[in-house]
Amino acid sequence: MKGKRRRHDPEFKARVALEALKGVKTIQQIAKDFDIHPVQVSEWKKTMAEGAAGIFGPGSGKTEAEDFERERAQLHAKIGQQAVELDWLTKKSKQLGL
């Protein structure tokens, strides 16, 4: 039986993809060096090549504060939705005499 699937962190993926983009070694050599499947190297290379333009584009300099505020707003919206649902359920349960 096969073992658990390995999960690679983003830094590792970026290092492998950058190595593949350099073109110094073949995909097969890179896969052997990093002990991963050659198809995975090709996929990470393709992903990095497609996403490279986003690094220099608008919105690439987002700060952690902006990310925090966006997440905070989403959570507040969720809390508001749950409060409305709770009020509705409370009202309905009183009508039914529960």
PDB file of N, CA and C in Angstrom:
ATOM      1  N   MET A   1       0.837  -1.179   0.000  1.00  0.00           N
ATOM      2  CA  MET A   1       0.000   0.000   0.000  1.00  0.00           C
ATOM      3  C   MET A   1       0.886   1.247   0.000  1.00  0.00           C
ATOM      4  N   LYS A   2       0.442   2.264  -0.720  1.00  0.00           N
ATOM      5  CA  LYS A   2       1.213   3.494  -0.823  1.00  0.00           C
ATOM      6  C   LYS A   2       1.150   4.296   0.468  1.00  0.00           C
ATOM      7  N   GLY A   3       2.160   5.106   0.671  1.00  0.00           N
ATOM      8  CA  GLY A   3       2.192   5.972   1.843  1.00  0.00           C
ATOM      9  C   GLY A   3       1.326   7.201   1.645  1.00  0.00           C
ATOM     10  N   LYS A   4       1.361   8.096   2.625  1.00  0.00           N
ATOM     11  CA  LYS A   4       0.587   9.324   2.544  1.00  0.00           C
ATOM     12  C   LYS A   4       1.131  10.228   1.454  1.00  0.00           C
ATOM     13  N   ARG A   5       0.257  11.030   0.918  1.00  0.00           N
ATOM     14  CA  ARG A   5       0.650  12.007  -0.078  1.00  0.00           C
ATOM     15  C   ARG A   5       1.534  13.074   0.550  1.00  0.00           C
ATOM     16  N   ARG A   6       2.573  13.437  -0.149  1.00  0.00           N
ATOM     17  CA  ARG A   6       3.447  14.489   0.371  1.00  0.00           C
ATOM     18  C   ARG A   6       2.878  15.857   0.010  1.00  0.00           C
ATOM     19  N   ARG A   7       3.004  16.767   0.921  1.00  0.00           N
ATOM     20  CA  ARG A   7       2.574  18.148   0.693  1.00  0.00           C
ATOM     21  C   ARG A   7       3.826  19.016   0.703  1.00  0.00           C
ATOM     22  N   HIS A   8       3.928  19.853  -0.312  1.00  0.00           N
ATOM     23  CA  HIS A   8       5.110  20.711  -0.434  1.00  0.00           C
ATOM     24  C   HIS A   8       4.720  22.150  -0.137  1.00  0.00           C
ATOM     25  N   ASP A   9       5.586  22.844   0.578  1.00  0.00           N
ATOM     26  CA  ASP A   9       5.311  24.232   0.898  1.00  0.00           C
ATOM     27  C   ASP A   9       5.560  25.117  -0.325  1.00  0.00           C
ATOM     28  N   PRO A  10       4.969  26.312  -0.339  1.00  0.00           N
ATOM     29  CA  PRO A  10       5.106  27.203  -1.496  1.00  0.00           C
ATOM     30  C   PRO A  10       6.552  27.567  -1.835  1.00  0.00           C
ATOM     31  N   GLU A  11       7.399  27.681  -0.832  1.00  0.00           N
ATOM     32  CA  GLU A  11       8.794  28.025  -1.093  1.00  0.00           C
ATOM     33  C   GLU A  11       9.490  26.927  -1.894  1.00  0.00           C
ATOM     34  N   PHE A  12       9.209  25.683  -1.541  1.00  0.00           N
ATOM     35  CA  PHE A  12       9.793  24.548  -2.258  1.00  0.00           C
ATOM     36  C   PHE A  12       9.304  24.532  -3.706  1.00  0.00           C
ATOM     37  N   LYS A  13       8.013  24.741  -3.899  1.00  0.00           N
ATOM     38  CA  LYS A  13       7.441  24.751  -5.249  1.00  0.00           C
ATOM     39  C   LYS A  13       8.067  25.862  -6.093  1.00  0.00           C
ATOM     40  N   ALA A  14       8.233  27.026  -5.471  1.00  0.00           N
ATOM     41  CA  ALA A  14       8.824  28.156  -6.190  1.00  0.00           C
ATOM     42  C   ALA A  14      10.268  27.865  -6.566  1.00  0.00           C
ATOM     43  N   ARG A  15      10.999  27.239  -5.660  1.00  0.00           N
ATOM     44  CA  ARG A  15      12.398  26.908  -5.945  1.00  0.00           C
ATOM     45  C   ARG A  15      12.500  25.932  -7.114  1.00  0.00           C
ATOM     46  N   VAL A  16      11.641  24.908  -7.125  1.00  0.00           N
ATOM     47  CA  VAL A  16      11.651  23.926  -8.204  1.00  0.00           C
ATOM     48  C   VAL A  16      11.237  24.579  -9.520  1.00  0.00           C
ATOM     49  N   ALA A  17      10.168  25.387  -9.478  1.00  0.00           N
ATOM     50  CA  ALA A  17       9.684  26.039 -10.695  1.00  0.00           C
ATOM     51  C   ALA A  17      10.712  27.011 -11.257  1.00  0.00           C
ATOM     52  N   LEU A  18      11.386  27.733 -10.393  1.00  0.00           N
ATOM     53  CA  LEU A  18      12.415  28.668 -10.846  1.00  0.00           C
ATOM     54  C   LEU A  18      13.573  27.927 -11.495  1.00  0.00           C
ATOM     55  N   GLU A  19      13.940  26.813 -10.908  1.00  0.00           N
ATOM     56  CA  GLU A  19      14.993  25.978 -11.486  1.00  0.00           C
ATOM     57  C   GLU A  19      14.591  25.505 -12.884  1.00  0.00           C
ATOM     58  N   ALA A  20      13.327  25.128 -13.040  1.00  0.00           N
ATOM     59  CA  ALA A  20      12.839  24.662 -14.335  1.00  0.00           C
ATOM     60  C   ALA A  20      12.788  25.802 -15.346  1.00  0.00           C
ATOM     61  N   LEU A  21      12.420  26.993 -14.885  1.00  0.00           N
ATOM     62  CA  LEU A  21      12.355  28.133 -15.791  1.00  0.00           C
ATOM     63  C   LEU A  21      13.733  28.589 -16.270  1.00  0.00           C
ATOM     64  N   LYS A  22      14.744  28.377 -15.447  1.00  0.00           N
ATOM     65  CA  LYS A  22      16.103  28.750 -15.841  1.00  0.00           C
ATOM     66  C   LYS A  22      16.541  27.983 -17.074  1.00  0.00           C
ATOM     67  N   GLY A  23      16.133  26.713 -17.156  1.00  0.00           N
ATOM     68  CA  GLY A  23      16.462  25.912 -18.329  1.00  0.00           C
ATOM     69  C   GLY A  23      17.862  25.338 -18.330  1.00  0.00           C
ATOM     70  N   VAL A  24      18.574  25.412 -17.225  1.00  0.00           N
ATOM     71  CA  VAL A  24      19.927  24.871 -17.149  1.00  0.00           C
ATOM     72  C   VAL A  24      19.887  23.348 -17.139  1.00  0.00           C
ATOM     73  N   LYS A  25      18.930  22.799 -16.386  1.00  0.00           N
ATOM     74  CA  LYS A  25      18.778  21.353 -16.298  1.00  0.00           C
ATOM     75  C   LYS A  25      17.479  20.948 -16.987  1.00  0.00           C
ATOM     76  N   THR A  26      17.388  19.687 -17.351  1.00  0.00           N
ATOM     77  CA  THR A  26      16.145  19.176 -17.927  1.00  0.00           C
ATOM     78  C   THR A  26      15.141  18.929 -16.812  1.00  0.00           C
ATOM     79  N   ILE A  27      13.891  18.787 -17.211  1.00  0.00           N
ATOM     80  CA  ILE A  27      12.828  18.499 -16.252  1.00  0.00           C
ATOM     81  C   ILE A  27      13.131  17.196 -15.512  1.00  0.00           C
ATOM     82  N   GLN A  28      13.632  16.220 -16.235  1.00  0.00           N
ATOM     83  CA  GLN A  28      13.960  14.923 -15.635  1.00  0.00           C
ATOM     84  C   GLN A  28      15.043  15.071 -14.565  1.00  0.00           C
ATOM     85  N   GLN A  29      16.066  15.852 -14.849  1.00  0.00           N
ATOM     86  CA  GLN A  29      17.142  16.054 -13.885  1.00  0.00           C
ATOM     87  C   GLN A  29      16.645  16.782 -12.627  1.00  0.00           C
ATOM     88  N   ILE A  30      15.813  17.784 -12.839  1.00  0.00           N
ATOM     89  CA  ILE A  30      15.272  18.537 -11.704  1.00  0.00           C
ATOM     90  C   ILE A  30      14.404  17.621 -10.842  1.00  0.00           C
ATOM     91  N   ALA A  31      13.574  16.817 -11.491  1.00  0.00           N
ATOM     92  CA  ALA A  31      12.703  15.900 -10.758  1.00  0.00           C
ATOM     93  C   ALA A  31      13.527  14.918  -9.928  1.00  0.00           C
ATOM     94  N   LYS A  32      14.603  14.436 -10.496  1.00  0.00           N
ATOM     95  CA  LYS A  32      15.461  13.491  -9.775  1.00  0.00           C
ATOM     96  C   LYS A  32      16.156  14.186  -8.598  1.00  0.00           C
ATOM     97  N   ASP A  33      16.637  15.403  -8.823  1.00  0.00           N
ATOM     98  CA  ASP A  33      17.330  16.146  -7.767  1.00  0.00           C
ATOM     99  C   ASP A  33      16.417  16.438  -6.576  1.00  0.00           C
ATOM    100  N   PHE A  34      15.169  16.782  -6.859  1.00  0.00           N
ATOM    101  CA  PHE A  34      14.242  17.157  -5.794  1.00  0.00           C
ATOM    102  C   PHE A  34      13.341  15.999  -5.356  1.00  0.00           C
ATOM    103  N   ASP A  35      13.516  14.849  -5.953  1.00  0.00           N
ATOM    104  CA  ASP A  35      12.761  13.636  -5.616  1.00  0.00           C
ATOM    105  C   ASP A  35      11.249  13.837  -5.749  1.00  0.00           C
ATOM    106  N   ILE A  36      10.845  14.359  -6.920  1.00  0.00           N
ATOM    107  CA  ILE A  36       9.427  14.511  -7.238  1.00  0.00           C
ATOM    108  C   ILE A  36       9.199  14.035  -8.665  1.00  0.00           C
ATOM    109  N   HIS A  37       7.942  13.908  -9.053  1.00  0.00           N
ATOM    110  CA  HIS A  37       7.603  13.417 -10.386  1.00  0.00           C
ATOM    111  C   HIS A  37       7.825  14.517 -11.422  1.00  0.00           C
ATOM    112  N   PRO A  38       8.321  14.175 -12.606  1.00  0.00           N
ATOM    113  CA  PRO A  38       8.567  15.181 -13.644  1.00  0.00           C
ATOM    114  C   PRO A  38       7.314  15.957 -14.059  1.00  0.00           C
ATOM    115  N   VAL A  39       6.161  15.313 -14.033  1.00  0.00           N
ATOM    116  CA  VAL A  39       4.926  16.007 -14.390  1.00  0.00           C
ATOM    117  C   VAL A  39       4.663  17.138 -13.395  1.00  0.00           C
ATOM    118  N   GLN A  40       4.970  16.889 -12.128  1.00  0.00           N
ATOM    119  CA  GLN A  40       4.769  17.912 -11.102  1.00  0.00           C
ATOM    120  C   GLN A  40       5.673  19.116 -11.366  1.00  0.00           C
ATOM    121  N   VAL A  41       6.898  18.853 -11.772  1.00  0.00           N
ATOM    122  CA  VAL A  41       7.822  19.945 -12.100  1.00  0.00           C
ATOM    123  C   VAL A  41       7.253  20.783 -13.234  1.00  0.00           C
ATOM    124  N   SER A  42       6.738  20.122 -14.260  1.00  0.00           N
ATOM    125  CA  SER A  42       6.169  20.829 -15.407  1.00  0.00           C
ATOM    126  C   SER A  42       4.960  21.667 -15.007  1.00  0.00           C
ATOM    127  N   GLU A  43       4.116  21.117 -14.141  1.00  0.00           N
ATOM    128  CA  GLU A  43       2.927  21.854 -13.695  1.00  0.00           C
ATOM    129  C   GLU A  43       3.320  23.097 -12.896  1.00  0.00           C
ATOM    130  N   TRP A  44       4.279  22.950 -11.984  1.00  0.00           N
ATOM    131  CA  TRP A  44       4.711  24.095 -11.189  1.00  0.00           C
ATOM    132  C   TRP A  44       5.378  25.143 -12.070  1.00  0.00           C
ATOM    133  N   LYS A  45       6.126  24.711 -13.063  1.00  0.00           N
ATOM    134  CA  LYS A  45       6.775  25.631 -13.999  1.00  0.00           C
ATOM    135  C   LYS A  45       5.719  26.423 -14.759  1.00  0.00           C
ATOM    136  N   LYS A  46       4.688  25.729 -15.237  1.00  0.00           N
ATOM    137  CA  LYS A  46       3.615  26.375 -15.982  1.00  0.00           C
ATOM    138  C   LYS A  46       2.868  27.368 -15.095  1.00  0.00           C
ATOM    139  N   THR A  47       2.576  26.974 -13.868  1.00  0.00           N
ATOM    140  CA  THR A  47       1.871  27.847 -12.937  1.00  0.00           C
ATOM    141  C   THR A  47       2.675  29.105 -12.647  1.00  0.00           C
ATOM    142  N   MET A  48       3.964  28.937 -12.445  1.00  0.00           N
ATOM    143  CA  MET A  48       4.806  30.095 -12.151  1.00  0.00           C
ATOM    144  C   MET A  48       4.909  31.013 -13.366  1.00  0.00           C
ATOM    145  N   ALA A  49       5.037  30.447 -14.551  1.00  0.00           N
ATOM    146  CA  ALA A  49       5.141  31.264 -15.758  1.00  0.00           C
ATOM    147  C   ALA A  49       3.854  32.059 -15.989  1.00  0.00           C
ATOM    148  N   GLU A  50       2.701  31.434 -15.726  1.00  0.00           N
ATOM    149  CA  GLU A  50       1.428  32.115 -15.921  1.00  0.00           C
ATOM    150  C   GLU A  50       1.193  33.196 -14.865  1.00  0.00           C
ATOM    151  N   GLY A  51       1.650  32.959 -13.647  1.00  0.00           N
ATOM    152  CA  GLY A  51       1.411  33.901 -12.567  1.00  0.00           C
ATOM    153  C   GLY A  51       2.469  34.968 -12.410  1.00  0.00           C
ATOM    154  N   ALA A  52       3.514  34.913 -13.193  1.00  0.00           N
ATOM    155  CA  ALA A  52       4.622  35.860 -13.044  1.00  0.00           C
ATOM    156  C   ALA A  52       4.196  37.296 -13.332  1.00  0.00           C
ATOM    157  N   ALA A  53       3.291  37.500 -14.264  1.00  0.00           N
ATOM    158  CA  ALA A  53       2.855  38.853 -14.605  1.00  0.00           C
ATOM    159  C   ALA A  53       2.123  39.500 -13.434  1.00  0.00           C
ATOM    160  N   GLY A  54       1.456  38.706 -12.617  1.00  0.00           N
ATOM    161  CA  GLY A  54       0.733  39.238 -11.470  1.00  0.00           C
ATOM    162  C   GLY A  54       1.634  39.820 -10.405  1.00  0.00           C
ATOM    163  N   ILE A  55       2.880  39.412 -10.388  1.00  0.00           N
ATOM    164  CA  ILE A  55       3.817  39.923  -9.389  1.00  0.00           C
ATOM    165  C   ILE A  55       4.071  41.415  -9.599  1.00  0.00           C
ATOM    166  N   PHE A  56       4.139  41.820 -10.865  1.00  0.00           N
ATOM    167  CA  PHE A  56       4.459  43.203 -11.179  1.00  0.00           C
ATOM    168  C   PHE A  56       3.223  44.041 -11.479  1.00  0.00           C
ATOM    169  N   GLY A  57       2.063  43.425 -11.509  1.00  0.00           N
ATOM    170  CA  GLY A  57       0.831  44.120 -11.845  1.00  0.00           C
ATOM    171  C   GLY A  57       0.264  44.910 -10.683  1.00  0.00           C
ATOM    172  N   PRO A  58      -0.856  45.599 -10.958  1.00  0.00           N
ATOM    173  CA  PRO A  58      -1.497  46.367  -9.886  1.00  0.00           C
ATOM    174  C   PRO A  58      -2.055  45.438  -8.812  1.00  0.00           C
ATOM    175  N   GLY A  59      -1.995  45.897  -7.591  1.00  0.00           N
ATOM    176  CA  GLY A  59      -2.516  45.104  -6.479  1.00  0.00           C
ATOM    177  C   GLY A  59      -1.526  44.106  -5.938  1.00  0.00           C
ATOM    178  N   SER A  60      -0.329  44.074  -6.496  1.00  0.00           N
ATOM    179  CA  SER A  60       0.651  43.099  -6.016  1.00  0.00           C
ATOM    180  C   SER A  60       1.278  43.521  -4.697  1.00  0.00           C
ATOM    181  N   GLY A  61       1.161  44.798  -4.359  1.00  0.00           N
ATOM    182  CA  GLY A  61       1.763  45.302  -3.131  1.00  0.00           C
ATOM    183  C   GLY A  61       0.796  45.338  -1.965  1.00  0.00           C
ATOM    184  N   LYS A  62      -0.197  44.463  -1.973  1.00  0.00           N
ATOM    185  CA  LYS A  62      -1.167  44.454  -0.880  1.00  0.00           C
ATOM    186  C   LYS A  62      -0.457  44.162   0.434  1.00  0.00           C
ATOM    187  N   THR A  63      -0.882  44.871   1.412  1.00  0.00           N
ATOM    188  CA  THR A  63      -0.273  44.685   2.722  1.00  0.00           C
ATOM    189  C   THR A  63      -1.084  43.694   3.535  1.00  0.00           C
ATOM    190  N   GLU A  64      -0.492  43.251   4.607  1.00  0.00           N
ATOM    191  CA  GLU A  64      -1.191  42.344   5.506  1.00  0.00           C
ATOM    192  C   GLU A  64      -2.388  43.034   6.145  1.00  0.00           C
ATOM    193  N   ALA A  65      -2.279  44.339   6.341  1.00  0.00           N
ATOM    194  CA  ALA A  65      -3.378  45.088   6.941  1.00  0.00           C
ATOM    195  C   ALA A  65      -4.604  45.066   6.039  1.00  0.00           C
ATOM    196  N   GLU A  66      -4.400  45.194   4.731  1.00  0.00           N
ATOM    197  CA  GLU A  66      -5.525  45.149   3.793  1.00  0.00           C
ATOM    198  C   GLU A  66      -6.158  43.767   3.790  1.00  0.00           C
ATOM    199  N   ASP A  67      -5.336  42.730   3.823  1.00  0.00           N
ATOM    200  CA  ASP A  67      -5.854  41.367   3.879  1.00  0.00           C
ATOM    201  C   ASP A  67      -6.641  41.148   5.173  1.00  0.00           C
ATOM    202  N   PHE A  68      -6.111  41.662   6.265  1.00  0.00           N
ATOM    203  CA  PHE A  68      -6.777  41.532   7.557  1.00  0.00           C
ATOM    204  C   PHE A  68      -8.132  42.229   7.534  1.00  0.00           C
ATOM    205  N   GLU A  69      -8.175  43.437   6.994  1.00  0.00           N
ATOM    206  CA  GLU A  69      -9.426  44.198   6.953  1.00  0.00           C
ATOM    207  C   GLU A  69     -10.469  43.512   6.077  1.00  0.00           C
ATOM    208  N   ARG A  70     -10.049  42.938   4.964  1.00  0.00           N
ATOM    209  CA  ARG A  70     -10.978  42.237   4.083  1.00  0.00           C
ATOM    210  C   ARG A  70     -11.563  41.010   4.798  1.00  0.00           C
ATOM    211  N   GLU A  71     -10.707  40.256   5.465  1.00  0.00           N
ATOM    212  CA  GLU A  71     -11.173  39.082   6.200  1.00  0.00           C
ATOM    213  C   GLU A  71     -12.093  39.498   7.350  1.00  0.00           C
ATOM    214  N   ARG A  72     -11.747  40.581   8.015  1.00  0.00           N
ATOM    215  CA  ARG A  72     -12.563  41.085   9.120  1.00  0.00           C
ATOM    216  C   ARG A  72     -13.952  41.475   8.631  1.00  0.00           C
ATOM    217  N   ALA A  73     -14.024  42.136   7.480  1.00  0.00           N
ATOM    218  CA  ALA A  73     -15.313  42.538   6.922  1.00  0.00           C
ATOM    219  C   ALA A  73     -16.160  41.310   6.566  1.00  0.00           C
ATOM    220  N   GLN A  74     -15.528  40.288   6.017  1.00  0.00           N
ATOM    221  CA  GLN A  74     -16.252  39.063   5.682  1.00  0.00           C
ATOM    222  C   GLN A  74     -16.797  38.394   6.943  1.00  0.00           C
ATOM    223  N   LEU A  75     -16.006  38.367   7.990  1.00  0.00           N
ATOM    224  CA  LEU A  75     -16.444  37.743   9.237  1.00  0.00           C
ATOM    225  C   LEU A  75     -17.587  38.530   9.889  1.00  0.00           C
ATOM    226  N   HIS A  76     -17.511  39.866   9.824  1.00  0.00           N
ATOM    227  CA  HIS A  76     -18.597  40.677  10.374  1.00  0.00           C
ATOM    228  C   HIS A  76     -19.892  40.439   9.598  1.00  0.00           C
ATOM    229  N   ALA A  77     -19.791  40.292   8.284  1.00  0.00           N
ATOM    230  CA  ALA A  77     -20.978  40.005   7.479  1.00  0.00           C
ATOM    231  C   ALA A  77     -21.576  38.658   7.865  1.00  0.00           C
ATOM    232  N   LYS A  78     -20.731  37.687   8.092  1.00  0.00           N
ATOM    233  CA  LYS A  78     -21.194  36.352   8.489  1.00  0.00           C
ATOM    234  C   LYS A  78     -21.882  36.413   9.859  1.00  0.00           C
ATOM    235  N   ILE A  79     -21.301  37.153  10.792  1.00  0.00           N
ATOM    236  CA  ILE A  79     -21.909  37.304  12.119  1.00  0.00           C
ATOM    237  C   ILE A  79     -23.281  37.965  12.000  1.00  0.00           C
ATOM    238  N   GLY A  80     -23.384  38.982  11.161  1.00  0.00           N
ATOM    239  CA  GLY A  80     -24.664  39.649  10.959  1.00  0.00           C
ATOM    240  C   GLY A  80     -25.711  38.700  10.387  1.00  0.00           C
ATOM    241  N   GLN A  81     -25.309  37.894   9.422  1.00  0.00           N
ATOM    242  CA  GLN A  81     -26.224  36.918   8.821  1.00  0.00           C
ATOM    243  C   GLN A  81     -26.698  35.916   9.867  1.00  0.00           C
ATOM    244  N   GLN A  82     -25.794  35.440  10.687  1.00  0.00           N
ATOM    245  CA  GLN A  82     -26.168  34.469  11.718  1.00  0.00           C
ATOM    246  C   GLN A  82     -27.083  35.102  12.771  1.00  0.00           C
ATOM    247  N   ALA A  83     -26.885  36.371  13.088  1.00  0.00           N
ATOM    248  CA  ALA A  83     -27.748  37.055  14.049  1.00  0.00           C
ATOM    249  C   ALA A  83     -29.168  37.164  13.504  1.00  0.00           C
ATOM    250  N   VAL A  84     -29.303  37.486  12.230  1.00  0.00           N
ATOM    251  CA  VAL A  84     -30.621  37.574  11.608  1.00  0.00           C
ATOM    252  C   VAL A  84     -31.304  36.211  11.619  1.00  0.00           C
ATOM    253  N   GLU A  85     -30.566  35.170  11.272  1.00  0.00           N
ATOM    254  CA  GLU A  85     -31.132  33.817  11.270  1.00  0.00           C
ATOM    255  C   GLU A  85     -31.565  33.398  12.674  1.00  0.00           C
ATOM    256  N   LEU A  86     -30.771  33.732  13.674  1.00  0.00           N
ATOM    257  CA  LEU A  86     -31.106  33.398  15.057  1.00  0.00           C
ATOM    258  C   LEU A  86     -32.373  34.123  15.501  1.00  0.00           C
ATOM    259  N   ASP A  87     -32.482  35.397  15.168  1.00  0.00           N
ATOM    260  CA  ASP A  87     -33.688  36.153  15.502  1.00  0.00           C
ATOM    261  C   ASP A  87     -34.919  35.533  14.846  1.00  0.00           C
ATOM    262  N   TRP A  88     -34.790  35.151  13.592  1.00  0.00           N
ATOM    263  CA  TRP A  88     -35.911  34.549  12.864  1.00  0.00           C
ATOM    264  C   TRP A  88     -36.326  33.232  13.518  1.00  0.00           C
ATOM    265  N   LEU A  89     -35.342  32.401  13.869  1.00  0.00           N
ATOM    266  CA  LEU A  89     -35.652  31.122  14.501  1.00  0.00           C
ATOM    267  C   LEU A  89     -36.294  31.313  15.871  1.00  0.00           C
ATOM    268  N   THR A  90     -35.836  32.303  16.629  1.00  0.00           N
ATOM    269  CA  THR A  90     -36.411  32.600  17.934  1.00  0.00           C
ATOM    270  C   THR A  90     -37.862  33.015  17.788  1.00  0.00           C
ATOM    271  N   LYS A  91     -38.126  33.879  16.794  1.00  0.00           N
ATOM    272  CA  LYS A  91     -39.486  34.350  16.553  1.00  0.00           C
ATOM    273  C   LYS A  91     -40.403  33.179  16.154  1.00  0.00           C
ATOM    274  N   LYS A  92     -39.938  32.330  15.280  1.00  0.00           N
ATOM    275  CA  LYS A  92     -40.734  31.191  14.825  1.00  0.00           C
ATOM    276  C   LYS A  92     -41.000  30.207  15.958  1.00  0.00           C
ATOM    277  N   SER A  93     -40.013  29.978  16.808  1.00  0.00           N
ATOM    278  CA  SER A  93     -40.214  29.029  17.901  1.00  0.00           C
ATOM    279  C   SER A  93     -41.235  29.551  18.906  1.00  0.00           C
ATOM    280  N   LYS A  94     -41.283  30.880  19.114  1.00  0.00           N
ATOM    281  CA  LYS A  94     -42.284  31.474  20.006  1.00  0.00           C
ATOM    282  C   LYS A  94     -43.677  31.348  19.419  1.00  0.00           C
ATOM    283  N   GLN A  95     -43.781  31.499  18.075  1.00  0.00           N
ATOM    284  CA  GLN A  95     -45.075  31.383  17.414  1.00  0.00           C
ATOM    285  C   GLN A  95     -45.615  29.970  17.529  1.00  0.00           C
ATOM    286  N   LEU A  96     -44.735  28.997  17.478  1.00  0.00           N
ATOM    287  CA  LEU A  96     -45.146  27.599  17.557  1.00  0.00           C
ATOM    288  C   LEU A  96     -45.318  27.140  19.002  1.00  0.00           C
ATOM    289  N   GLY A  97     -44.925  27.967  19.951  1.00  0.00           N
ATOM    290  CA  GLY A  97     -45.075  27.639  21.360  1.00  0.00           C
ATOM    291  C   GLY A  97     -44.044  26.638  21.850  1.00  0.00           C
ATOM    292  N   LEU A  98     -42.864  26.673  21.266  1.00  0.00           N
ATOM    293  CA  LEU A  98     -41.804  25.749  21.672  1.00  0.00           C
ATOM    294  C   LEU A  98     -40.969  26.303  22.782  1.00  0.00           C
TER     295      LEU A  98
END
